Every structure is written in C-alpha cells, then in structure tokens.
PDB file of N, CA and C in Angstrom:
ATOM      1  N   MET A   1     -20.403  -4.969   0.199  1.00  0.00           N
ATOM      2  CA  MET A   1     -20.454  -5.823  -1.060  1.00  0.00           C
ATOM      3  C   MET A   1     -20.331  -5.584  -1.953  1.00  0.00           C
ATOM      4  N   PRO A   2     -18.324  -6.312  -2.236  1.00  0.00           N
ATOM      5  CA  PRO A   2     -17.259  -7.280  -2.453  1.00  0.00           C
ATOM      6  C   PRO A   2     -16.739  -6.976  -1.506  1.00  0.00           C
ATOM      7  N   TYR A   3     -16.283  -7.441  -0.809  1.00  0.00           N
ATOM      8  CA  TYR A   3     -15.143  -7.572   0.240  1.00  0.00           C
ATOM      9  C   TYR A   3     -13.711  -8.133   0.199  1.00  0.00           C
ATOM     10  N   LEU A   4     -13.036  -7.233  -0.010  1.00  0.00           N
ATOM     11  CA  LEU A   4     -11.026  -7.373  -0.665  1.00  0.00           C
ATOM     12  C   LEU A   4     -10.834  -7.249   0.579  1.00  0.00           C
ATOM     13  N   ARG A   5     -10.428  -8.963   0.852  1.00  0.00           N
ATOM     14  CA  ARG A   5      -9.567  -9.356   2.394  1.00  0.00           C
ATOM     15  C   ARG A   5      -8.237  -9.492   2.134  1.00  0.00           C
ATOM     16  N   PHE A   6      -6.939  -8.391   2.307  1.00  0.00           N
ATOM     17  CA  PHE A   6      -5.706  -8.279   2.000  1.00  0.00           C
ATOM     18  C   PHE A   6      -4.702  -8.433   3.672  1.00  0.00           C
ATOM     19  N   LYS A   7      -3.639 -10.175   3.352  1.00  0.00           N
ATOM     20  CA  LYS A   7      -3.692 -10.964   4.540  1.00  0.00           C
ATOM     21  C   LYS A   7      -2.148 -10.764   4.014  1.00  0.00           C
ATOM     22  N   GLY A   8      -1.474 -10.217   5.011  1.00  0.00           N
ATOM     23  CA  GLY A   8      -0.053 -10.269   5.007  1.00  0.00           C
ATOM     24  C   GLY A   8       0.987  -9.043   4.137  1.00  0.00           C
ATOM     25  N   PHE A   9       0.341  -7.687   4.050  1.00  0.00           N
ATOM     26  CA  PHE A   9       0.314  -6.357   3.417  1.00  0.00           C
ATOM     27  C   PHE A   9       0.549  -5.463   4.271  1.00  0.00           C
ATOM     28  N   ASP A  10       1.080  -4.450   3.838  1.00  0.00           N
ATOM     29  CA  ASP A  10       1.781  -3.612   4.218  1.00  0.00           C
ATOM     30  C   ASP A  10       0.518  -2.537   4.379  1.00  0.00           C
ATOM     31  N   GLU A  11      -0.702  -2.034   5.930  1.00  0.00           N
ATOM     32  CA  GLU A  11      -1.328  -1.435   5.740  1.00  0.00           C
ATOM     33  C   GLU A  11      -1.166   0.449   4.803  1.00  0.00           C
ATOM     34  N   GLY A  12      -0.040   0.209   4.935  1.00  0.00           N
ATOM     35  CA  GLY A  12       0.304   1.940   4.683  1.00  0.00           C
ATOM     36  C   GLY A  12      -0.078   1.803   3.170  1.00  0.00           C
ATOM     37  N   PHE A  13       0.687   0.564   2.299  1.00  0.00           N
ATOM     38  CA  PHE A  13       0.334   0.267   0.893  1.00  0.00           C
ATOM     39  C   PHE A  13      -0.869  -0.055   0.439  1.00  0.00           C
ATOM     40  N   LEU A  14      -1.620  -0.167   1.013  1.00  0.00           N
ATOM     41  CA  LEU A  14      -2.882  -0.967   0.880  1.00  0.00           C
ATOM     42  C   LEU A  14      -3.921   0.360   1.057  1.00  0.00           C
ATOM     43  N   ARG A  15      -3.341   1.840   1.718  1.00  0.00           N
ATOM     44  CA  ARG A  15      -3.886   2.795   1.513  1.00  0.00           C
ATOM     45  C   ARG A  15      -3.564   3.720   0.260  1.00  0.00           C
ATOM     46  N   GLU A  16      -2.574   3.807   0.649  1.00  0.00           N
ATOM     47  CA  GLU A  16      -2.431   4.126  -0.462  1.00  0.00           C
ATOM     48  C   GLU A  16      -2.614   4.037  -2.140  1.00  0.00           C
ATOM     49  N   ARG A  17      -2.545   2.660  -2.161  1.00  0.00           N
ATOM     50  CA  ARG A  17      -2.960   2.406  -3.439  1.00  0.00           C
ATOM     51  C   ARG A  17      -4.552   1.989  -3.065  1.00  0.00           C
ATOM     52  N   LEU A  18      -5.456   2.548  -1.868  1.00  0.00           N
ATOM     53  CA  LEU A  18      -6.748   2.126  -1.931  1.00  0.00           C
ATOM     54  C   LEU A  18      -7.993   2.928  -2.925  1.00  0.00           C
ATOM     55  N   THR A  19      -7.532   3.556  -3.755  1.00  0.00           N
ATOM     56  CA  THR A  19      -8.107   4.246  -4.935  1.00  0.00           C
ATOM     57  C   THR A  19      -8.258   3.484  -6.722  1.00  0.00           C
ATOM     58  N   LEU A  20      -6.962   3.441  -6.395  1.00  0.00           N
ATOM     59  CA  LEU A  20      -6.738   2.464  -7.365  1.00  0.00           C
ATOM     60  C   LEU A  20      -7.535   0.433  -7.395  1.00  0.00           C
ATOM     61  N   LEU A  21      -6.602   0.582  -6.226  1.00  0.00           N
ATOM     62  CA  LEU A  21      -7.584  -0.767  -6.410  1.00  0.00           C
ATOM     63  C   LEU A  21      -8.437  -1.060  -6.296  1.00  0.00           C
ATOM     64  N   VAL A  22      -9.898  -0.178  -5.803  1.00  0.00           N
ATOM     65  CA  VAL A  22     -11.205  -0.071  -5.733  1.00  0.00           C
ATOM     66  C   VAL A  22     -11.497   0.547  -7.697  1.00  0.00           C
ATOM     67  N   GLU A  23     -10.522   1.393  -7.928  1.00  0.00           N
ATOM     68  CA  GLU A  23     -11.310   1.588  -9.239  1.00  0.00           C
ATOM     69  C   GLU A  23     -11.356   0.112  -9.994  1.00  0.00           C
ATOM     70  N   GLU A  24      -9.865  -0.267  -9.941  1.00  0.00           N
ATOM     71  CA  GLU A  24      -9.385  -1.554 -10.632  1.00  0.00           C
ATOM     72  C   GLU A  24     -10.914  -2.359 -10.730  1.00  0.00           C
ATOM     73  N   PHE A  25     -10.467  -2.747  -8.829  1.00  0.00           N
ATOM     74  CA  PHE A  25     -11.246  -4.348  -9.204  1.00  0.00           C
ATOM     75  C   PHE A  25     -12.699  -3.770  -9.687  1.00  0.00           C
ATOM     76  N   SER A  26     -13.943  -2.818  -9.632  1.00  0.00           N
ATOM     77  CA  SER A  26     -14.897  -2.312  -9.727  1.00  0.00           C
ATOM     78  C   SER A  26     -15.068  -2.302 -10.929  1.00  0.00           C
ATOM     79  N   ARG A  27     -14.361  -1.775 -11.506  1.00  0.00           N
ATOM     80  CA  ARG A  27     -14.559  -1.387 -13.485  1.00  0.00           C
ATOM     81  C   ARG A  27     -14.514  -2.943 -14.169  1.00  0.00           C
ATOM     82  N   VAL A  28     -13.203  -3.837 -13.714  1.00  0.00           N
ATOM     83  CA  VAL A  28     -12.959  -5.277 -13.954  1.00  0.00           C
ATOM     84  C   VAL A  28     -14.501  -6.503 -13.618  1.00  0.00           C
ATOM     85  N   ALA A  29     -14.609  -6.464 -12.670  1.00  0.00           N
ATOM     86  CA  ALA A  29     -15.962  -6.971 -12.010  1.00  0.00           C
ATOM     87  C   ALA A  29     -17.343  -6.696 -12.154  1.00  0.00           C
ATOM     88  N   ALA A  30     -17.308  -5.333 -12.876  1.00  0.00           N
ATOM     89  CA  ALA A  30     -18.604  -4.232 -13.338  1.00  0.00           C
ATOM     90  C   ALA A  30     -19.139  -4.373 -11.390  1.00  0.00           C
ATOM     91  N   VAL A  31     -19.295  -3.622 -11.206  1.00  0.00           N
ATOM     92  CA  VAL A  31     -19.906  -3.097  -9.517  1.00  0.00           C
ATOM     93  C   VAL A  31     -19.210  -1.688  -9.344  1.00  0.00           C
ATOM     94  N   PRO A  32     -20.522  -0.878  -9.163  1.00  0.00           N
ATOM     95  CA  PRO A  32     -19.474   0.167  -8.281  1.00  0.00           C
ATOM     96  C   PRO A  32     -19.182   0.828  -7.241  1.00  0.00           C
ATOM     97  N   GLN A  33     -18.053   0.955  -7.276  1.00  0.00           N
ATOM     98  CA  GLN A  33     -16.709   1.873  -6.683  1.00  0.00           C
ATOM     99  C   GLN A  33     -17.433   1.632  -4.882  1.00  0.00           C
ATOM    100  N   GLU A  34     -19.116   2.197  -4.600  1.00  0.00           N
ATOM    101  CA  GLU A  34     -19.239   2.690  -3.372  1.00  0.00           C
ATOM    102  C   GLU A  34     -19.400   1.084  -2.674  1.00  0.00           C
ATOM    103  N   VAL A  35     -19.894   0.190  -3.696  1.00  0.00           N
ATOM    104  CA  VAL A  35     -19.485  -0.989  -2.410  1.00  0.00           C
ATOM    105  C   VAL A  35     -19.045  -1.973  -2.173  1.00  0.00           C
ATOM    106  N   VAL A  36     -17.400  -1.711  -2.818  1.00  0.00           N
ATOM    107  CA  VAL A  36     -16.614  -2.115  -2.659  1.00  0.00           C
ATOM    108  C   VAL A  36     -15.911  -1.800  -1.049  1.00  0.00           C
ATOM    109  N   LYS A  37     -15.530  -2.971  -0.359  1.00  0.00           N
ATOM    110  CA  LYS A  37     -14.849  -2.918   1.047  1.00  0.00           C
ATOM    111  C   LYS A  37     -14.055  -3.458   0.897  1.00  0.00           C
ATOM    112  N   VAL A  38     -12.496  -2.840   1.726  1.00  0.00           N
ATOM    113  CA  VAL A  38     -11.078  -3.352   1.777  1.00  0.00           C
ATOM    114  C   VAL A  38     -10.766  -3.853   3.014  1.00  0.00           C
ATOM    115  N   GLU A  39     -10.030  -4.273   3.142  1.00  0.00           N
ATOM    116  CA  GLU A  39      -9.696  -4.573   5.006  1.00  0.00           C
ATOM    117  C   GLU A  39      -8.763  -5.303   4.302  1.00  0.00           C
ATOM    118  N   ALA A  40      -8.314  -5.004   6.014  1.00  0.00           N
ATOM    119  CA  ALA A  40      -6.421  -5.353   5.858  1.00  0.00           C
ATOM    120  C   ALA A  40      -6.228  -6.239   7.621  1.00  0.00           C
ATOM    121  N   LEU A  41      -5.767  -7.666   7.023  1.00  0.00           N
ATOM    122  CA  LEU A  41      -6.103  -8.821   7.732  1.00  0.00           C
ATOM    123  C   LEU A  41      -4.740  -8.659   8.761  1.00  0.00           C
ATOM    124  N   SER A  42      -5.160  -8.895  10.398  1.00  0.00           N
ATOM    125  CA  SER A  42      -3.821  -8.953  11.333  1.00  0.00           C
ATOM    126  C   SER A  42      -3.936 -10.467  11.600  1.00  0.00           C
ATOM    127  N   VAL A  43      -3.445 -11.303  11.052  1.00  0.00           N
ATOM    128  CA  VAL A  43      -3.065 -12.919  11.760  1.00  0.00           C
ATOM    129  C   VAL A  43      -1.783 -12.937  11.878  1.00  0.00           C
ATOM    130  N   THR A  44      -1.886 -14.176  13.744  1.00  0.00           N
ATOM    131  CA  THR A  44      -1.038 -14.730  13.798  1.00  0.00           C
ATOM    132  C   THR A  44      -0.934 -15.453  12.883  1.00  0.00           C
ATOM    133  N   ARG A  45       0.604 -16.301  11.984  1.00  0.00           N
ATOM    134  CA  ARG A  45       1.537 -17.241  11.818  1.00  0.00           C
ATOM    135  C   ARG A  45       1.410 -18.228  13.016  1.00  0.00           C
ATOM    136  N   ILE A  46       0.398 -19.455  12.050  1.00  0.00           N
ATOM    137  CA  ILE A  46       1.727 -20.368  12.946  1.00  0.00           C
ATOM    138  C   ILE A  46       2.330 -21.328  12.212  1.00  0.00           C
ATOM    139  N   THR A  47       1.848 -21.431  11.316  1.00  0.00           N
ATOM    140  CA  THR A  47       2.547 -22.438   9.579  1.00  0.00           C
ATOM    141  C   THR A  47       3.109 -21.002   9.182  1.00  0.00           C
ATOM    142  N   GLU A  48       4.009 -21.718   8.088  1.00  0.00           N
ATOM    143  CA  GLU A  48       4.286 -20.056   6.805  1.00  0.00           C
ATOM    144  C   GLU A  48       2.894 -20.297   6.149  1.00  0.00           C
ATOM    145  N   THR A  49       2.419 -18.989   5.437  1.00  0.00           N
ATOM    146  CA  THR A  49       1.138 -18.882   4.817  1.00  0.00           C
ATOM    147  C   THR A  49       2.012 -17.987   4.360  1.00  0.00           C
ATOM    148  N   PRO A  50       1.483 -17.829   2.238  1.00  0.00           N
ATOM    149  CA  PRO A  50       1.665 -16.756   1.904  1.00  0.00           C
ATOM    150  C   PRO A  50       0.376 -15.545   2.183  1.00  0.00           C
ATOM    151  N   ARG A  51       1.085 -13.983   1.347  1.00  0.00           N
ATOM    152  CA  ARG A  51       0.229 -13.619   1.072  1.00  0.00           C
ATOM    153  C   ARG A  51      -1.077 -13.948   0.464  1.00  0.00           C
ATOM    154  N   SER A  52      -1.827 -13.134   0.294  1.00  0.00           N
ATOM    155  CA  SER A  52      -3.351 -13.691  -0.184  1.00  0.00           C
ATOM    156  C   SER A  52      -4.283 -12.351  -0.120  1.00  0.00           C
ATOM    157  N   VAL A  53      -5.141 -12.700  -0.910  1.00  0.00           N
ATOM    158  CA  VAL A  53      -6.404 -11.476  -1.649  1.00  0.00           C
ATOM    159  C   VAL A  53      -7.705 -12.289  -1.528  1.00  0.00           C
ATOM    160  N   GLU A  54      -8.031 -12.382  -0.741  1.00  0.00           N
ATOM    161  CA  GLU A  54      -9.935 -13.327  -0.181  1.00  0.00           C
ATOM    162  C   GLU A  54     -11.105 -11.919  -0.658  1.00  0.00           C
ATOM    163  N   ILE A  55     -11.505 -12.557  -1.832  1.00  0.00           N
ATOM    164  CA  ILE A  55     -12.449 -12.028  -2.604  1.00  0.00           C
ATOM    165  C   ILE A  55     -13.882 -11.843  -2.252  1.00  0.00           C
ATOM    166  N   PHE A  56     -14.567 -11.696  -1.543  1.00  0.00           N
ATOM    167  CA  PHE A  56     -15.972 -12.252  -1.107  1.00  0.00           C
ATOM    168  C   PHE A  56     -17.342 -11.884  -1.903  1.00  0.00           C
ATOM    169  N   MET A  57     -17.667 -12.328  -3.113  1.00  0.00           N
ATOM    170  CA  MET A  57     -18.736 -11.579  -3.617  1.00  0.00           C
ATOM    171  C   MET A  57     -19.449 -12.633  -4.610  1.00  0.00           C
ATOM    172  N   PHE A  58     -20.028 -12.417  -4.517  1.00  0.00           N
ATOM    173  CA  PHE A  58     -21.869 -13.255  -5.737  1.00  0.00           C
ATOM    174  C   PHE A  58     -21.532 -14.018  -6.957  1.00  0.00           C
ATOM    175  N   PRO A  59     -21.759 -15.047  -6.721  1.00  0.00           N
ATOM    176  CA  PRO A  59     -20.999 -15.858  -8.674  1.00  0.00           C
ATOM    177  C   PRO A  59     -21.169 -14.940  -9.787  1.00  0.00           C
ATOM    178  N   ARG A  60     -20.158 -15.145 -10.273  1.00  0.00           N
ATOM    179  CA  ARG A  60     -20.771 -14.292 -11.861  1.00  0.00           C
ATOM    180  C   ARG A  60     -19.917 -15.144 -12.925  1.00  0.00           C
ATOM    181  N   PRO A  61     -19.416 -15.676 -13.800  1.00  0.00           N
ATOM    182  CA  PRO A  61     -18.914 -16.497 -15.060  1.00  0.00           C
ATOM    183  C   PRO A  61     -17.806 -16.962 -14.242  1.00  0.00           C
ATOM    184  N   GLN A  62     -17.442 -17.692 -14.371  1.00  0.00           N
ATOM    185  CA  GLN A  62     -15.728 -18.317 -14.715  1.00  0.00           C
ATOM    186  C   GLN A  62     -14.996 -16.809 -15.324  1.00  0.00           C
ATOM    187  N   GLU A  63     -15.315 -16.339 -15.984  1.00  0.00           N
ATOM    188  CA  GLU A  63     -14.126 -15.817 -17.344  1.00  0.00           C
ATOM    189  C   GLU A  63     -14.531 -13.867 -16.426  1.00  0.00           C
ATOM    190  N   LYS A  64     -15.268 -13.941 -15.597  1.00  0.00           N
ATOM    191  CA  LYS A  64     -15.040 -12.934 -15.117  1.00  0.00           C
ATOM    192  C   LYS A  64     -14.476 -12.802 -13.716  1.00  0.00           C
ATOM    193  N   HIS A  65     -14.601 -13.999 -13.217  1.00  0.00           N
ATOM    194  CA  HIS A  65     -13.531 -14.110 -11.618  1.00  0.00           C
ATOM    195  C   HIS A  65     -12.402 -14.444 -11.967  1.00  0.00           C
ATOM    196  N   ASP A  66     -11.668 -15.266 -14.017  1.00  0.00           N
ATOM    197  CA  ASP A  66     -10.416 -14.710 -13.521  1.00  0.00           C
ATOM    198  C   ASP A  66      -9.781 -13.577 -14.377  1.00  0.00           C
ATOM    199  N   ALA A  67     -10.768 -13.234 -14.910  1.00  0.00           N
ATOM    200  CA  ALA A  67     -10.324 -11.321 -14.857  1.00  0.00           C
ATOM    201  C   ALA A  67      -9.922 -10.281 -14.126  1.00  0.00           C
ATOM    202  N   ILE A  68     -10.471 -10.696 -13.472  1.00  0.00           N
ATOM    203  CA  ILE A  68     -11.226 -10.017 -11.360  1.00  0.00           C
ATOM    204  C   ILE A  68      -9.566  -9.778 -11.413  1.00  0.00           C
ATOM    205  N   ALA A  69      -9.343 -12.002 -10.893  1.00  0.00           N
ATOM    206  CA  ALA A  69      -8.085 -12.459 -10.837  1.00  0.00           C
ATOM    207  C   ALA A  69      -6.576 -12.108 -10.978  1.00  0.00           C
ATOM    208  N   ALA A  70      -6.751 -11.941 -12.742  1.00  0.00           N
ATOM    209  CA  ALA A  70      -5.437 -11.159 -13.419  1.00  0.00           C
ATOM    210  C   ALA A  70      -5.283  -9.474 -13.446  1.00  0.00           C
ATOM    211  N   THR A  71      -6.587  -9.463 -13.425  1.00  0.00           N
ATOM    212  CA  THR A  71      -6.152  -7.475 -12.823  1.00  0.00           C
ATOM    213  C   THR A  71      -5.678  -7.475 -11.476  1.00  0.00           C
ATOM    214  N   LEU A  72      -6.395  -7.929 -10.454  1.00  0.00           N
ATOM    215  CA  LEU A  72      -5.699  -7.408  -9.387  1.00  0.00           C
ATOM    216  C   LEU A  72      -4.089  -8.290  -9.666  1.00  0.00           C
ATOM    217  N   HIS A  73      -3.556  -9.564  -9.329  1.00  0.00           N
ATOM    218  CA  HIS A  73      -2.385 -10.257  -9.834  1.00  0.00           C
ATOM    219  C   HIS A  73      -1.387  -8.952 -10.473  1.00  0.00           C
ATOM    220  N   ALA A  74      -2.079  -8.853 -11.390  1.00  0.00           N
ATOM    221  CA  ALA A  74      -1.283  -7.525 -12.234  1.00  0.00           C
ATOM    222  C   ALA A  74      -0.997  -6.439 -11.490  1.00  0.00           C
ATOM    223  N   LEU A  75      -1.748  -5.689 -11.441  1.00  0.00           N
ATOM    224  CA  LEU A  75      -1.464  -4.479  -9.617  1.00  0.00           C
ATOM    225  C   LEU A  75      -0.561  -4.674  -8.525  1.00  0.00           C
ATOM    226  N   LEU A  76      -0.788  -5.873  -7.900  1.00  0.00           N
ATOM    227  CA  LEU A  76      -0.316  -6.322  -7.047  1.00  0.00           C
ATOM    228  C   LEU A  76       1.430  -6.642  -7.325  1.00  0.00           C
ATOM    229  N   SER A  77       1.305  -7.255  -8.708  1.00  0.00           N
ATOM    230  CA  SER A  77       2.988  -7.439  -9.575  1.00  0.00           C
ATOM    231  C   SER A  77       3.819  -6.251  -9.824  1.00  0.00           C
ATOM    232  N   HIS A  78       3.098  -5.187  -9.907  1.00  0.00           N
ATOM    233  CA  HIS A  78       3.745  -3.661 -10.802  1.00  0.00           C
ATOM    234  C   HIS A  78       4.063  -3.271  -9.018  1.00  0.00           C
ATOM    235  N   PHE A  79       3.823  -3.971  -7.284  1.00  0.00           N
ATOM    236  CA  PHE A  79       4.329  -2.741  -6.729  1.00  0.00           C
ATOM    237  C   PHE A  79       5.109  -3.752  -5.894  1.00  0.00           C
ATOM    238  N   ASP A  80       5.785  -4.530  -6.692  1.00  0.00           N
ATOM    239  CA  ASP A  80       6.017  -6.421  -6.556  1.00  0.00           C
ATOM    240  C   ASP A  80       6.454  -6.944  -5.289  1.00  0.00           C
ATOM    241  N   TYR A  81       4.827  -7.365  -4.776  1.00  0.00           N
ATOM    242  CA  TYR A  81       4.311  -8.478  -4.265  1.00  0.00           C
ATOM    243  C   TYR A  81       3.713  -9.233  -5.403  1.00  0.00           C
ATOM    244  N   ARG A  82       4.781 -10.336  -5.277  1.00  0.00           N
ATOM    245  CA  ARG A  82       4.840 -11.244  -6.020  1.00  0.00           C
ATOM    246  C   ARG A  82       4.055 -13.066  -5.395  1.00  0.00           C
ATOM    247  N   ASN A  83       3.693 -13.515  -5.753  1.00  0.00           N
ATOM    248  CA  ASN A  83       3.104 -14.725  -5.044  1.00  0.00           C
ATOM    249  C   ASN A  83       2.188 -14.750  -4.447  1.00  0.00           C
ATOM    250  N   VAL A  84       1.314 -13.957  -4.390  1.00  0.00           N
ATOM    251  CA  VAL A  84       0.352 -13.870  -3.716  1.00  0.00           C
ATOM    252  C   VAL A  84      -1.146 -14.799  -4.208  1.00  0.00           C
ATOM    253  N   HIS A  85      -1.478 -15.357  -2.819  1.00  0.00           N
ATOM    254  CA  HIS A  85      -2.706 -16.397  -3.381  1.00  0.00           C
ATOM    255  C   HIS A  85      -3.914 -15.589  -3.392  1.00  0.00           C
ATOM    256  N   ILE A  86      -4.432 -15.476  -4.540  1.00  0.00           N
ATOM    257  CA  ILE A  86      -6.008 -14.810  -4.925  1.00  0.00           C
ATOM    258  C   ILE A  86      -7.345 -16.038  -4.578  1.00  0.00           C
ATOM    259  N   PHE A  87      -7.931 -15.528  -3.711  1.00  0.00           N
ATOM    260  CA  PHE A  87      -9.085 -16.500  -4.383  1.00  0.00           C
ATOM    261  C   PHE A  87     -10.812 -16.189  -3.541  1.00  0.00           C
ATOM    262  N   PHE A  88     -11.571 -17.229  -4.215  1.00  0.00           N
ATOM    263  CA  PHE A  88     -12.778 -15.693  -4.041  1.00  0.00           C
ATOM    264  C   PHE A  88     -12.724 -16.972  -3.019  1.00  0.00           C
ATOM    265  N   VAL A  89     -14.518 -16.199  -2.459  1.00  0.00           N
ATOM    266  CA  VAL A  89     -14.991 -17.074  -1.447  1.00  0.00           C
ATOM    267  C   VAL A  89     -16.543 -16.898  -2.079  1.00  0.00           C
ATOM    268  N   LEU A  90     -18.139 -17.273  -2.296  1.00  0.00           N
ATOM    269  CA  LEU A  90     -18.867 -17.328  -3.526  1.00  0.00           C
ATOM    270  C   LEU A  90     -19.711 -16.992  -2.154  1.00  0.00           C
ATOM    271  N   LEU A  91     -20.615 -16.155  -2.173  1.00  0.00           N
ATOM    272  CA  LEU A  91     -21.815 -15.282  -0.905  1.00  0.00           C
ATOM    273  C   LEU A  91     -23.000 -16.070  -2.381  1.00  0.00           C
ATOM    274  N   ALA A  92     -24.031 -16.581  -1.913  1.00  0.00           N
ATOM    275  CA  ALA A  92     -25.226 -16.366  -2.019  1.00  0.00           C
ATOM    276  C   ALA A  92     -26.102 -15.355  -1.432  1.00  0.00           C
ATOM    277  N   PRO A  93     -26.952 -14.640  -2.283  1.00  0.00           N
ATOM    278  CA  PRO A  93     -27.742 -13.507  -1.965  1.00  0.00           C
ATOM    279  C   PRO A  93     -28.744 -14.069  -0.939  1.00  0.00           C
ATOM    280  N   SER A  94     -29.289 -14.930  -0.827  1.00  0.00           N
ATOM    281  CA  SER A  94     -29.836 -15.610  -0.128  1.00  0.00           C
ATOM    282  C   SER A  94     -29.556 -15.506   1.095  1.00  0.00           C
ATOM    283  N   LEU A  95     -28.337 -16.532   0.603  1.00  0.00           N
ATOM    284  CA  LEU A  95     -27.956 -16.579   3.056  1.00  0.00           C
ATOM    285  C   LEU A  95     -26.991 -15.178   2.874  1.00  0.00           C
ATOM    286  N   TYR A  96     -27.259 -13.351   2.509  1.00  0.00           N
ATOM    287  CA  TYR A  96     -26.536 -12.688   2.756  1.00  0.00           C
ATOM    288  C   TYR A  96     -27.624 -12.280   3.529  1.00  0.00           C
ATOM    289  N   TYR A  97     -27.486 -11.793   4.746  1.00  0.00           N
ATOM    290  CA  TYR A  97     -28.300 -10.742   5.838  1.00  0.00           C
ATOM    291  C   TYR A  97     -28.376  -9.719   6.059  1.00  0.00           C
ATOM    292  N   ARG A  98     -28.430  -7.997   6.002  1.00  0.00           N
ATOM    293  CA  ARG A  98     -28.234  -7.444   6.151  1.00  0.00           C
ATOM    294  C   ARG A  98     -30.017  -7.373   7.226  1.00  0.00           C
ATOM    295  N   ASP A  99     -30.131  -6.482   8.441  1.00  0.00           N
ATOM    296  CA  ASP A  99     -30.252  -6.093   8.840  1.00  0.00           C
ATOM    297  C   ASP A  99     -31.349  -6.867   8.975  1.00  0.00           C
ATOM    298  N   GLY A 100     -31.025  -8.636   9.557  1.00  0.00           N
ATOM    299  CA  GLY A 100     -31.304  -9.505   9.819  1.00  0.00           C
ATOM    300  C   GLY A 100     -32.525 -10.201   8.852  1.00  0.00           C
ATOM    301  N   GLU A 101     -32.668  -9.235   7.612  1.00  0.00           N
ATOM    302  CA  GLU A 101     -33.317  -9.756   6.842  1.00  0.00           C
ATOM    303  C   GLU A 101     -32.440 -10.601   5.219  1.00  0.00           C
ATOM    304  N   PRO A 102     -32.950 -11.893   4.745  1.00  0.00           N
ATOM    305  CA  PRO A 102     -32.270 -11.883   3.554  1.00  0.00           C
ATOM    306  C   PRO A 102     -32.060 -11.045   2.724  1.00  0.00           C
ATOM    307  N   LEU A 103     -31.222 -10.828   1.497  1.00  0.00           N
ATOM    308  CA  LEU A 103     -31.312  -9.532   0.162  1.00  0.00           C
ATOM    309  C   LEU A 103     -32.207 -10.508  -0.025  1.00  0.00           C
ATOM    310  N   LYS A 104     -33.198 -10.132  -1.329  1.00  0.00           N
ATOM    311  CA  LYS A 104     -33.513 -10.688  -2.251  1.00  0.00           C
ATOM    312  C   LYS A 104     -33.281 -10.769  -3.461  1.00  0.00           C
ATOM    313  N   SER A 105     -32.448  -9.400  -3.940  1.00  0.00           N
ATOM    314  CA  SER A 105     -32.046  -9.317  -5.174  1.00  0.00           C
ATOM    315  C   SER A 105     -31.038  -7.821  -4.700  1.00  0.00           C
ATOM    316  N   VAL A 106     -30.160  -7.846  -5.797  1.00  0.00           N
ATOM    317  CA  VAL A 106     -29.249  -6.465  -5.967  1.00  0.00           C
ATOM    318  C   VAL A 106     -29.162  -5.779  -6.968  1.00  0.00           C
ATOM    319  N   SER A 107     -29.016  -4.660  -6.800  1.00  0.00           N
ATOM    320  CA  SER A 107     -29.426  -4.510  -8.198  1.00  0.00           C
ATOM    321  C   SER A 107     -28.784  -3.996  -9.036  1.00  0.00           C
ATOM    322  N   TRP A 108     -27.208  -4.106  -8.219  1.00  0.00           N
ATOM    323  CA  TRP A 108     -25.769  -3.798  -9.499  1.00  0.00           C
ATOM    324  C   TRP A 108     -26.119  -5.408 -10.395  1.00  0.00           C
ATOM    325  N   LEU A 109     -26.420  -7.086  -9.531  1.00  0.00           N
ATOM    326  CA  LEU A 109     -25.908  -7.794 -10.211  1.00  0.00           C
ATOM    327  C   LEU A 109     -26.586  -7.572 -12.121  1.00  0.00           C
ATOM    328  N   PRO A 110     -26.161  -8.614 -12.327  1.00  0.00           N
ATOM    329  CA  PRO A 110     -26.749  -9.054 -13.641  1.00  0.00           C
ATOM    330  C   PRO A 110     -27.203 -10.200 -13.389  1.00  0.00           C
TER     331      PRO A 110
END
C-alpha cells in the first residue's frame, strides 16, 4: 500500500521506469519505497477510454494529492504519455484488512 495501477500503458515502459516512478512517488507522498505497489492493468475497452493512473492510498491533505498528481503528470509527459487521467481511490485504514483484521495504525502515516 499504496497501489499505483496503470491502465493503457506499455508494460515494458513501466518495467523500465519502475525505479524512477516508485522513487518519485514515495518522495512526494512521503511513504517508504518498499510499500509502493505497481500494477499494469490489462483491460478490454468497450468504449473509448483514456490512459489512466489509479492511486489507491490512505487520505492525505489536498496539497499532497495535488503534488503527487503533478509529479506523476510531469514524469509521464516527459516520456510522451500525455492526457493521462490521474485519480485517487482513498482508503480508510479501518476498512483495509490484512489477514482478516483491520489495520489499527500505519507507522508511516502522518
């Protein structure tokens, strides 16, 4: 946790840039690199949909979410991935279960 889920991206690109993506995300989000999970989603488009990055994470102040989105946007634009939709799916620790038990605390959360 958190999860970065990329839809519509080349898996090779993600694998090649994995270290950079995780380093930059963890720096801006203020989370340890080892807790960042990255997934490449394979989807079948029924209607036209844009590339997107879904970020599953615990809530932060709006400024932190803005900074994360701006950082990912800049990185992806640098590699010619433009017009990417970036959105957050905010999770509550009390509704996140590990081994059937809700998280009571997350050591790296502010």
